[in-house]
PDB file of N, CA and C in Angstrom:
ATOM      1  N   MET A   1      30.779  77.316  -1.684  1.00  0.00           N
ATOM      2  CA  MET A   1      32.079  77.863  -1.347  1.00  0.00           C
ATOM      3  C   MET A   1      31.939  79.375  -1.134  1.00  0.00           C
ATOM      4  N   ASP A   2      32.530  79.886  -0.083  1.00  0.00           N
ATOM      5  CA  ASP A   2      32.454  81.313   0.192  1.00  0.00           C
ATOM      6  C   ASP A   2      33.408  82.088  -0.716  1.00  0.00           C
ATOM      7  N   LEU A   3      33.280  83.399  -0.671  1.00  0.00           N
ATOM      8  CA  LEU A   3      34.069  84.272  -1.530  1.00  0.00           C
ATOM      9  C   LEU A   3      35.561  84.105  -1.289  1.00  0.00           C
ATOM     10  N   LEU A   4      35.963  84.016  -0.029  1.00  0.00           N
ATOM     11  CA  LEU A   4      37.381  83.860   0.290  1.00  0.00           C
ATOM     12  C   LEU A   4      37.917  82.538  -0.246  1.00  0.00           C
ATOM     13  N   GLY A   5      37.151  81.473  -0.102  1.00  0.00           N
ATOM     14  CA  GLY A   5      37.566  80.178  -0.640  1.00  0.00           C
ATOM     15  C   GLY A   5      37.679  80.206  -2.148  1.00  0.00           C
ATOM     16  N   ARG A   6      36.725  80.884  -2.787  1.00  0.00           N
ATOM     17  CA  ARG A   6      36.760  81.007  -4.249  1.00  0.00           C
ATOM     18  C   ARG A   6      38.006  81.772  -4.687  1.00  0.00           C
ATOM     19  N   LEU A   7      38.278  82.874  -4.023  1.00  0.00           N
ATOM     20  CA  LEU A   7      39.452  83.678  -4.355  1.00  0.00           C
ATOM     21  C   LEU A   7      40.738  82.874  -4.155  1.00  0.00           C
ATOM     22  N   GLU A   8      40.803  82.125  -3.083  1.00  0.00           N
ATOM     23  CA  GLU A   8      41.988  81.313  -2.815  1.00  0.00           C
ATOM     24  C   GLU A   8      42.194  80.269  -3.911  1.00  0.00           C
ATOM     25  N   ASN A   9      41.118  79.600  -4.321  1.00  0.00           N
ATOM     26  CA  ASN A   9      41.222  78.614  -5.405  1.00  0.00           C
ATOM     27  C   ASN A   9      41.671  79.247  -6.703  1.00  0.00           C
ATOM     28  N   ILE A  10      41.077  80.385  -7.038  1.00  0.00           N
ATOM     29  CA  ILE A  10      41.439  81.075  -8.279  1.00  0.00           C
ATOM     30  C   ILE A  10      42.895  81.513  -8.235  1.00  0.00           C
ATOM     31  N   THR A  11      43.292  82.063  -7.106  1.00  0.00           N
ATOM     32  CA  THR A  11      44.665  82.552  -6.973  1.00  0.00           C
ATOM     33  C   THR A  11      45.667  81.425  -7.153  1.00  0.00           C
ATOM     34  N   LYS A  12      45.420  80.294  -6.542  1.00  0.00           N
ATOM     35  CA  LYS A  12      46.353  79.171  -6.640  1.00  0.00           C
ATOM     36  C   LYS A  12      46.404  78.584  -8.037  1.00  0.00           C
ATOM     37  N   LYS A  13      45.252  78.472  -8.695  1.00  0.00           N
ATOM     38  CA  LYS A  13      45.189  77.784  -9.984  1.00  0.00           C
ATOM     39  C   LYS A  13      45.537  78.670 -11.170  1.00  0.00           C
ATOM     40  N   ASP A  14      45.093  79.925 -11.145  1.00  0.00           N
ATOM     41  CA  ASP A  14      45.145  80.731 -12.353  1.00  0.00           C
ATOM     42  C   ASP A  14      46.117  81.900 -12.338  1.00  0.00           C
ATOM     43  N   LYS A  15      46.717  82.201 -11.210  1.00  0.00           N
ATOM     44  CA  LYS A  15      47.528  83.421 -11.160  1.00  0.00           C
ATOM     45  C   LYS A  15      48.694  83.397 -12.133  1.00  0.00           C
ATOM     46  N   ASP A  16      49.315  82.254 -12.326  1.00  0.00           N
ATOM     47  CA  ASP A  16      50.429  82.182 -13.264  1.00  0.00           C
ATOM     48  C   ASP A  16      49.953  81.978 -14.696  1.00  0.00           C
ATOM     49  N   ASN A  17      48.833  81.288 -14.860  1.00  0.00           N
ATOM     50  CA  ASN A  17      48.342  80.971 -16.191  1.00  0.00           C
ATOM     51  C   ASN A  17      47.661  82.154 -16.869  1.00  0.00           C
ATOM     52  N   ASN A  18      46.854  82.891 -16.138  1.00  0.00           N
ATOM     53  CA  ASN A  18      46.086  83.949 -16.761  1.00  0.00           C
ATOM     54  C   ASN A  18      45.783  85.070 -15.758  1.00  0.00           C
ATOM     55  N   PRO A  19      46.754  85.959 -15.524  1.00  0.00           N
ATOM     56  CA  PRO A  19      46.536  87.025 -14.533  1.00  0.00           C
ATOM     57  C   PRO A  19      45.411  87.974 -14.924  1.00  0.00           C
ATOM     58  N   LYS A  20      45.182  88.189 -16.230  1.00  0.00           N
ATOM     59  CA  LYS A  20      44.092  89.071 -16.652  1.00  0.00           C
ATOM     60  C   LYS A  20      42.745  88.482 -16.236  1.00  0.00           C
ATOM     61  N   CYS A  21      42.595  87.180 -16.345  1.00  0.00           N
ATOM     62  CA  CYS A  21      41.358  86.511 -15.915  1.00  0.00           C
ATOM     63  C   CYS A  21      41.165  86.698 -14.416  1.00  0.00           C
ATOM     64  N   LEU A  22      42.220  86.570 -13.647  1.00  0.00           N
ATOM     65  CA  LEU A  22      42.153  86.757 -12.198  1.00  0.00           C
ATOM     66  C   LEU A  22      41.660  88.166 -11.873  1.00  0.00           C
ATOM     67  N   LEU A  23      42.197  89.169 -12.556  1.00  0.00           N
ATOM     68  CA  LEU A  23      41.775  90.547 -12.313  1.00  0.00           C
ATOM     69  C   LEU A  23      40.295  90.748 -12.632  1.00  0.00           C
ATOM     70  N   GLU A  24      39.825  90.159 -13.718  1.00  0.00           N
ATOM     71  CA  GLU A  24      38.418  90.299 -14.093  1.00  0.00           C
ATOM     72  C   GLU A  24      37.491  89.625 -13.079  1.00  0.00           C
ATOM     73  N   ILE A  25      37.911  88.492 -12.552  1.00  0.00           N
ATOM     74  CA  ILE A  25      37.093  87.792 -11.551  1.00  0.00           C
ATOM     75  C   ILE A  25      37.040  88.592 -10.255  1.00  0.00           C
ATOM     76  N   ILE A  26      38.170  89.112  -9.818  1.00  0.00           N
ATOM     77  CA  ILE A  26      38.191  89.936  -8.606  1.00  0.00           C
ATOM     78  C   ILE A  26      37.352  91.191  -8.815  1.00  0.00           C
ATOM     79  N   LYS A  27      37.481  91.794  -9.993  1.00  0.00           N
ATOM     80  CA  LYS A  27      36.704  92.993 -10.307  1.00  0.00           C
ATOM     81  C   LYS A  27      35.203  92.688 -10.263  1.00  0.00           C
ATOM     82  N   SER A  28      34.814  91.557 -10.821  1.00  0.00           N
ATOM     83  CA  SER A  28      33.412  91.152 -10.828  1.00  0.00           C
ATOM     84  C   SER A  28      32.888  90.929  -9.405  1.00  0.00           C
ATOM     85  N   ASP A  29      33.677  90.256  -8.584  1.00  0.00           N
ATOM     86  CA  ASP A  29      33.283  90.023  -7.191  1.00  0.00           C
ATOM     87  C   ASP A  29      33.189  91.335  -6.416  1.00  0.00           C
ATOM     88  N   PHE A  30      34.142  92.233  -6.631  1.00  0.00           N
ATOM     89  CA  PHE A  30      34.122  93.531  -5.956  1.00  0.00           C
ATOM     90  C   PHE A  30      32.900  94.341  -6.396  1.00  0.00           C
ATOM     91  N   PHE A  31      32.602  94.314  -7.693  1.00  0.00           N
ATOM     92  CA  PHE A  31      31.438  95.021  -8.215  1.00  0.00           C
ATOM     93  C   PHE A  31      30.162  94.513  -7.552  1.00  0.00           C
ATOM     94  N   TYR A  32      30.043  93.195  -7.428  1.00  0.00           N
ATOM     95  CA  TYR A  32      28.871  92.597  -6.782  1.00  0.00           C
ATOM     96  C   TYR A  32      28.731  93.108  -5.341  1.00  0.00           C
ATOM     97  N   LEU A  33      29.836  93.181  -4.630  1.00  0.00           N
ATOM     98  CA  LEU A  33      29.818  93.641  -3.246  1.00  0.00           C
ATOM     99  C   LEU A  33      29.501  95.128  -3.145  1.00  0.00           C
ATOM    100  N   ILE A  34      30.250  95.956  -3.860  1.00  0.00           N
ATOM    101  CA  ILE A  34      30.147  97.409  -3.694  1.00  0.00           C
ATOM    102  C   ILE A  34      28.846  97.961  -4.261  1.00  0.00           C
ATOM    103  N   SER A  35      28.275  97.281  -5.268  1.00  0.00           N
ATOM    104  CA  SER A  35      27.035  97.781  -5.866  1.00  0.00           C
ATOM    105  C   SER A  35      25.839  97.641  -4.921  1.00  0.00           C
ATOM    106  N   ASN A  36      25.995  96.932  -3.811  1.00  0.00           N
ATOM    107  CA  ASN A  36      24.959  96.893  -2.789  1.00  0.00           C
ATOM    108  C   ASN A  36      24.899  98.203  -2.004  1.00  0.00           C
ATOM    109  N   TYR A  37      25.962  98.977  -2.046  1.00  0.00           N
ATOM    110  CA  TYR A  37      26.064 100.185  -1.236  1.00  0.00           C
ATOM    111  C   TYR A  37      26.176 101.474  -2.043  1.00  0.00           C
ATOM    112  N   PHE A  38      26.711 101.374  -3.260  1.00  0.00           N
ATOM    113  CA  PHE A  38      26.932 102.551  -4.093  1.00  0.00           C
ATOM    114  C   PHE A  38      26.423 102.306  -5.510  1.00  0.00           C
ATOM    115  N   GLU A  39      26.041 103.394  -6.182  1.00  0.00           N
ATOM    116  CA  GLU A  39      25.759 103.321  -7.612  1.00  0.00           C
ATOM    117  C   GLU A  39      27.116 103.398  -8.310  1.00  0.00           C
ATOM    118  N   VAL A  40      27.524 102.307  -8.918  1.00  0.00           N
ATOM    119  CA  VAL A  40      28.825 102.250  -9.586  1.00  0.00           C
ATOM    120  C   VAL A  40      28.668 101.639 -10.967  1.00  0.00           C
ATOM    121  N   ASP A  41      29.608 101.973 -11.826  1.00  0.00           N
ATOM    122  CA  ASP A  41      29.679 101.386 -13.155  1.00  0.00           C
ATOM    123  C   ASP A  41      30.862 100.415 -13.157  1.00  0.00           C
ATOM    124  N   PHE A  42      30.660  99.239 -13.710  1.00  0.00           N
ATOM    125  CA  PHE A  42      31.708  98.214 -13.740  1.00  0.00           C
ATOM    126  C   PHE A  42      33.005  98.757 -14.335  1.00  0.00           C
ATOM    127  N   ASN A  43      32.889  99.617 -15.335  1.00  0.00           N
ATOM    128  CA  ASN A  43      34.075 100.163 -16.010  1.00  0.00           C
ATOM    129  C   ASN A  43      34.809 101.215 -15.180  1.00  0.00           C
ATOM    130  N   ASP A  44      34.215 101.643 -14.072  1.00  0.00           N
ATOM    131  CA  ASP A  44      34.857 102.626 -13.191  1.00  0.00           C
ATOM    132  C   ASP A  44      35.605 101.974 -12.035  1.00  0.00           C
ATOM    133  N   ILE A  45      35.883 100.681 -12.162  1.00  0.00           N
ATOM    134  CA  ILE A  45      36.636  99.956 -11.139  1.00  0.00           C
ATOM    135  C   ILE A  45      37.996  99.583 -11.717  1.00  0.00           C
ATOM    136  N   ASP A  46      39.058  99.956 -11.014  1.00  0.00           N
ATOM    137  CA  ASP A  46      40.426  99.591 -11.404  1.00  0.00           C
ATOM    138  C   ASP A  46      41.053  98.783 -10.277  1.00  0.00           C
ATOM    139  N   ILE A  47      41.661  97.665 -10.639  1.00  0.00           N
ATOM    140  CA  ILE A  47      42.322  96.812  -9.656  1.00  0.00           C
ATOM    141  C   ILE A  47      43.747  96.550 -10.122  1.00  0.00           C
ATOM    142  N   ILE A  48      44.679  96.720  -9.207  1.00  0.00           N
ATOM    143  CA  ILE A  48      46.094  96.450  -9.485  1.00  0.00           C
ATOM    144  C   ILE A  48      46.603  95.494  -8.416  1.00  0.00           C
ATOM    145  N   ILE A  49      47.206  94.397  -8.859  1.00  0.00           N
ATOM    146  CA  ILE A  49      47.799  93.434  -7.933  1.00  0.00           C
ATOM    147  C   ILE A  49      49.311  93.496  -8.098  1.00  0.00           C
ATOM    148  N   GLY A  50      50.006  93.728  -7.002  1.00  0.00           N
ATOM    149  CA  GLY A  50      51.463  93.763  -7.016  1.00  0.00           C
ATOM    150  C   GLY A  50      52.016  92.674  -6.109  1.00  0.00           C
ATOM    151  N   GLU A  51      53.276  92.355  -6.315  1.00  0.00           N
ATOM    152  CA  GLU A  51      53.916  91.322  -5.496  1.00  0.00           C
ATOM    153  C   GLU A  51      55.312  91.797  -5.133  1.00  0.00           C
ATOM    154  N   GLU A  52      55.630  91.671  -3.858  1.00  0.00           N
ATOM    155  CA  GLU A  52      56.953  92.042  -3.379  1.00  0.00           C
ATOM    156  C   GLU A  52      57.290  91.152  -2.195  1.00  0.00           C
ATOM    157  N   ASN A  53      58.426  90.498  -2.264  1.00  0.00           N
ATOM    158  CA  ASN A  53      58.878  89.606  -1.192  1.00  0.00           C
ATOM    159  C   ASN A  53      57.830  88.542  -0.847  1.00  0.00           C
ATOM    160  N   ASN A  54      57.229  87.960  -1.869  1.00  0.00           N
ATOM    161  CA  ASN A  54      56.225  86.907  -1.714  1.00  0.00           C
ATOM    162  C   ASN A  54      54.972  87.353  -0.970  1.00  0.00           C
ATOM    163  N   LYS A  55      54.689  88.646  -0.980  1.00  0.00           N
ATOM    164  CA  LYS A  55      53.457  89.194  -0.410  1.00  0.00           C
ATOM    165  C   LYS A  55      52.761  89.998  -1.500  1.00  0.00           C
ATOM    166  N   TYR A  56      51.432  89.914  -1.505  1.00  0.00           N
ATOM    167  CA  TYR A  56      50.653  90.586  -2.537  1.00  0.00           C
ATOM    168  C   TYR A  56      49.998  91.847  -1.992  1.00  0.00           C
ATOM    169  N   THR A  57      49.957  92.871  -2.823  1.00  0.00           N
ATOM    170  CA  THR A  57      49.178  94.066  -2.527  1.00  0.00           C
ATOM    171  C   THR A  57      48.067  94.134  -3.558  1.00  0.00           C
ATOM    172  N   ILE A  58      46.892  94.490  -3.113  1.00  0.00           N
ATOM    173  CA  ILE A  58      45.746  94.617  -4.002  1.00  0.00           C
ATOM    174  C   ILE A  58      45.201  96.027  -3.820  1.00  0.00           C
ATOM    175  N   ASP A  59      45.328  96.825  -4.858  1.00  0.00           N
ATOM    176  CA  ASP A  59      44.827  98.195  -4.829  1.00  0.00           C
ATOM    177  C   ASP A  59      43.557  98.267  -5.658  1.00  0.00           C
ATOM    178  N   VAL A  60      42.493  98.785  -5.047  1.00  0.00           N
ATOM    179  CA  VAL A  60      41.207  98.915  -5.722  1.00  0.00           C
ATOM    180  C   VAL A  60      40.823 100.388  -5.727  1.00  0.00           C
ATOM    181  N   ARG A  61      40.443 100.858  -6.897  1.00  0.00           N
ATOM    182  CA  ARG A  61      39.958 102.234  -7.021  1.00  0.00           C
ATOM    183  C   ARG A  61      38.627 102.165  -7.748  1.00  0.00           C
ATOM    184  N   CYS A  62      37.637 102.807  -7.155  1.00  0.00           N
ATOM    185  CA  CYS A  62      36.286 102.738  -7.703  1.00  0.00           C
ATOM    186  C   CYS A  62      35.620 104.104  -7.552  1.00  0.00           C
ATOM    187  N   PHE A  63      34.946 104.535  -8.588  1.00  0.00           N
ATOM    188  CA  PHE A  63      34.194 105.779  -8.537  1.00  0.00           C
ATOM    189  C   PHE A  63      32.710 105.454  -8.439  1.00  0.00           C
ATOM    190  N   GLY A  64      32.037 106.075  -7.479  1.00  0.00           N
ATOM    191  CA  GLY A  64      30.607 105.864  -7.310  1.00  0.00           C
ATOM    192  C   GLY A  64      29.838 107.150  -7.540  1.00  0.00           C
ATOM    193  N   ASP A  65      28.635 107.014  -8.093  1.00  0.00           N
ATOM    194  CA  ASP A  65      27.802 108.189  -8.350  1.00  0.00           C
ATOM    195  C   ASP A  65      27.069 108.652  -7.100  1.00  0.00           C
ATOM    196  N   ARG A  66      26.607 107.680  -6.310  1.00  0.00           N
ATOM    197  CA  ARG A  66      25.899 108.052  -5.080  1.00  0.00           C
ATOM    198  C   ARG A  66      25.840 106.851  -4.155  1.00  0.00           C
ATOM    199  N   ILE A  67      25.569 107.124  -2.875  1.00  0.00           N
ATOM    200  CA  ILE A  67      25.388 106.072  -1.884  1.00  0.00           C
ATOM    201  C   ILE A  67      23.936 105.624  -1.924  1.00  0.00           C
ATOM    202  N   LYS A  68      23.726 104.326  -1.923  1.00  0.00           N
ATOM    203  CA  LYS A  68      22.363 103.800  -1.883  1.00  0.00           C
ATOM    204  C   LYS A  68      21.846 103.887  -0.458  1.00  0.00           C
ATOM    205  N   LEU A  69      20.589 104.237  -0.310  1.00  0.00           N
ATOM    206  CA  LEU A  69      19.984 104.324   1.008  1.00  0.00           C
ATOM    207  C   LEU A  69      19.690 102.923   1.527  1.00  0.00           C
ATOM    208  N   MET A  70      19.940 102.725   2.801  1.00  0.00           N
ATOM    209  CA  MET A  70      19.669 101.446   3.427  1.00  0.00           C
ATOM    210  C   MET A  70      18.195 101.364   3.782  1.00  0.00           C
ATOM    211  N   ARG A  71      17.617 100.203   3.628  1.00  0.00           N
ATOM    212  CA  ARG A  71      16.229  99.997   4.037  1.00  0.00           C
ATOM    213  C   ARG A  71      16.175  99.932   5.565  1.00  0.00           C
ATOM    214  N   SER A  72      15.152 100.497   6.113  1.00  0.00           N
ATOM    215  CA  SER A  72      15.003 100.436   7.561  1.00  0.00           C
ATOM    216  C   SER A  72      13.587  99.969   7.900  1.00  0.00           C
ATOM    217  N   ILE A  73      13.460  99.436   9.079  1.00  0.00           N
ATOM    218  CA  ILE A  73      12.167  98.967   9.562  1.00  0.00           C
ATOM    219  C   ILE A  73      11.418 100.167  10.136  1.00  0.00           C
ATOM    220  N   PRO A  74      10.199 100.408   9.677  1.00  0.00           N
ATOM    221  CA  PRO A  74       9.437 101.538  10.229  1.00  0.00           C
ATOM    222  C   PRO A  74       9.144 101.345  11.707  1.00  0.00           C
ATOM    223  N   GLU A  75       9.139 102.424  12.452  1.00  0.00           N
ATOM    224  CA  GLU A  75       8.855 102.351  13.890  1.00  0.00           C
ATOM    225  C   GLU A  75       7.373 102.402  14.165  1.00  0.00           C
TER     226      GLU A  75
END
């Protein structure tokens, strides 16, 4: 199952039962993604989910120490 499918399943099943668990799972997935590009600490990620008129907003704030260099193929 891809990340979007996983998020959709979690959102449907757990959002009413355990919103804190949902936030931790999203935070973990975001950490996995962003740590490929930046040096980040898991505790420096804040996620806020809001709802208005049956639409969700997801605000993510993350502090990174540095950008990781991309590997390149030598010429």
